[in-house]
C-alpha atoms as a PDB file:
ATOM      1  CA  MET A   1     -11.849  25.372   6.309  1.00  0.00           C
ATOM      2  CA  PHE A   2     -11.797  23.008   3.550  1.00  0.00           C
ATOM      3  CA  LEU A   3     -12.834  19.445   2.969  1.00  0.00           C
ATOM      4  CA  TYR A   4     -10.065  17.533   0.928  1.00  0.00           C
ATOM      5  CA  LYS A   5     -10.134  14.327  -0.946  1.00  0.00           C
ATOM      6  CA  LEU A   6      -6.601  12.866  -1.103  1.00  0.00           C
ATOM      7  CA  GLU A   7      -5.422   9.998  -3.276  1.00  0.00           C
ATOM      8  CA  ILE A   8      -2.508   8.251  -1.608  1.00  0.00           C
ATOM      9  CA  GLN A   9      -0.347   5.598  -3.373  1.00  0.00           C
ATOM     10  CA  LEU A  10       0.942   3.273  -0.904  1.00  0.00           C
ATOM     11  CA  GLU A  11       3.750   0.580  -1.701  1.00  0.00           C
ATOM     12  CA  ASP A  12       0.973  -2.100  -1.988  1.00  0.00           C
ATOM     13  CA  GLN A  13      -2.378  -0.285  -2.385  1.00  0.00           C
ATOM     14  CA  LEU A  14      -4.109   2.845  -3.724  1.00  0.00           C
ATOM     15  CA  THR A  15      -6.174   4.472  -0.929  1.00  0.00           C
ATOM     16  CA  TYR A  16      -8.380   7.594  -0.637  1.00  0.00           C
ATOM     17  CA  LEU A  17      -8.699   9.862   2.475  1.00  0.00           C
ATOM     18  CA  VAL A  18     -11.115  12.633   3.394  1.00  0.00           C
ATOM     19  CA  VAL A  19      -9.627  15.157   5.638  1.00  0.00           C
ATOM     20  CA  ILE A  20     -10.786  18.738   7.059  1.00  0.00           C
ATOM     21  CA  ALA A  21      -7.867  21.170   7.111  1.00  0.00           C
ATOM     22  CA  GLU A  22      -7.290  25.084   6.747  1.00  0.00           C
ATOM     23  CA  SER A  23      -4.724  24.769   4.047  1.00  0.00           C
ATOM     24  CA  ASP A  24      -3.145  22.246   1.475  1.00  0.00           C
ATOM     25  CA  GLU A  25       0.002  21.900   3.650  1.00  0.00           C
ATOM     26  CA  LYS A  26      -2.228  21.093   6.720  1.00  0.00           C
ATOM     27  CA  ALA A  27      -4.164  18.584   4.636  1.00  0.00           C
ATOM     28  CA  PHE A  28      -1.146  16.474   3.961  1.00  0.00           C
ATOM     29  CA  ASP A  29       0.231  16.899   7.587  1.00  0.00           C
ATOM     30  CA  TYR A  30      -3.384  15.478   8.742  1.00  0.00           C
ATOM     31  CA  ALA A  31      -3.067  12.789   5.993  1.00  0.00           C
ATOM     32  CA  GLU A  32       0.158  11.494   7.366  1.00  0.00           C
ATOM     33  CA  SER A  33      -1.130  11.440  10.993  1.00  0.00           C
ATOM     34  CA  SER A  34      -4.423   9.614   9.868  1.00  0.00           C
ATOM     35  CA  LEU A  35      -2.217   7.033   8.123  1.00  0.00           C
ATOM     36  CA  ALA A  36       0.043   6.484  10.987  1.00  0.00           C
ATOM     37  CA  VAL A  37      -3.109   5.998  13.301  1.00  0.00           C
ATOM     38  CA  HIS A  38      -4.937   3.657  10.979  1.00  0.00           C
ATOM     39  CA  PHE A  39      -2.145   1.278  10.073  1.00  0.00           C
ATOM     40  CA  VAL A  40      -0.284  -0.861  12.671  1.00  0.00           C
ATOM     41  CA  LYS A  41       3.043  -0.262  10.764  1.00  0.00           C
ATOM     42  CA  MET A  42       3.119   2.947   8.855  1.00  0.00           C
ATOM     43  CA  PRO A  43       3.102   2.124   5.090  1.00  0.00           C
ATOM     44  CA  LYS A  44       5.534   3.806   2.613  1.00  0.00           C
ATOM     45  CA  VAL A  45       3.880   6.449   0.866  1.00  0.00           C
ATOM     46  CA  LEU A  46       4.981   6.642  -2.915  1.00  0.00           C
ATOM     47  CA  GLU A  47       2.786   9.799  -3.908  1.00  0.00           C
ATOM     48  CA  SER A  48      -0.130  11.636  -2.398  1.00  0.00           C
ATOM     49  CA  CYS A  49      -2.027  14.334  -4.193  1.00  0.00           C
ATOM     50  CA  ILE A  50      -5.232  16.377  -3.834  1.00  0.00           C
ATOM     51  CA  VAL A  51      -8.068  15.065  -6.066  1.00  0.00           C
ATOM     52  CA  GLU A  52     -10.756  17.678  -4.787  1.00  0.00           C
ATOM     53  CA  LYS A  53     -10.904  20.562  -2.536  1.00  0.00           C
ATOM     54  CA  LYS A  54     -14.394  22.073  -1.445  1.00  0.00           C
ATOM     55  CA  ARG A  55     -15.152  24.760   1.284  1.00  0.00           C
ATOM     56  CA  LEU A  56     -16.460  23.069   4.130  1.00  0.00           C
ATOM     57  CA  ASN A  57     -20.250  23.629   4.241  1.00  0.00           C
ATOM     58  CA  LYS A  58     -23.280  21.764   5.731  1.00  0.00           C
ATOM     59  CA  GLY A  59     -23.930  18.729   3.498  1.00  0.00           C
ATOM     60  CA  SER A  60     -20.434  18.861   1.833  1.00  0.00           C
ATOM     61  CA  GLY A  61     -19.304  15.408   0.819  1.00  0.00           C
ATOM     62  CA  TYR A  62     -17.574  13.070  -1.502  1.00  0.00           C
ATOM     63  CA  VAL A  63     -18.300   9.881  -3.572  1.00  0.00           C
ATOM     64  CA  ILE A  64     -15.541   7.565  -3.333  1.00  0.00           C
ATOM     65  CA  GLU A  65     -15.850   4.899  -6.209  1.00  0.00           C
ATOM     66  CA  THR A  66     -14.231   1.513  -5.985  1.00  0.00           C
ATOM     67  CA  LYS A  67     -13.677  -0.865  -8.863  1.00  0.00           C
ATOM     68  CA  GLN A  68     -14.097  -4.490  -8.224  1.00  0.00           C
END
């Protein structure tokens, strides 16, 4: 299993999603499902890419920076 950090460019915003998956393909599938659950209306995804990928181990995590 892997821990993925995905960068997703929506029509009106840039967002990040962290997901656990067995493969890159599954990570994108889970990302789409997570977006559908999170938003009332499914946003248009312009682009999505894997920013980081780590083996899932105890204590694994990501820092997600935001710029104000």
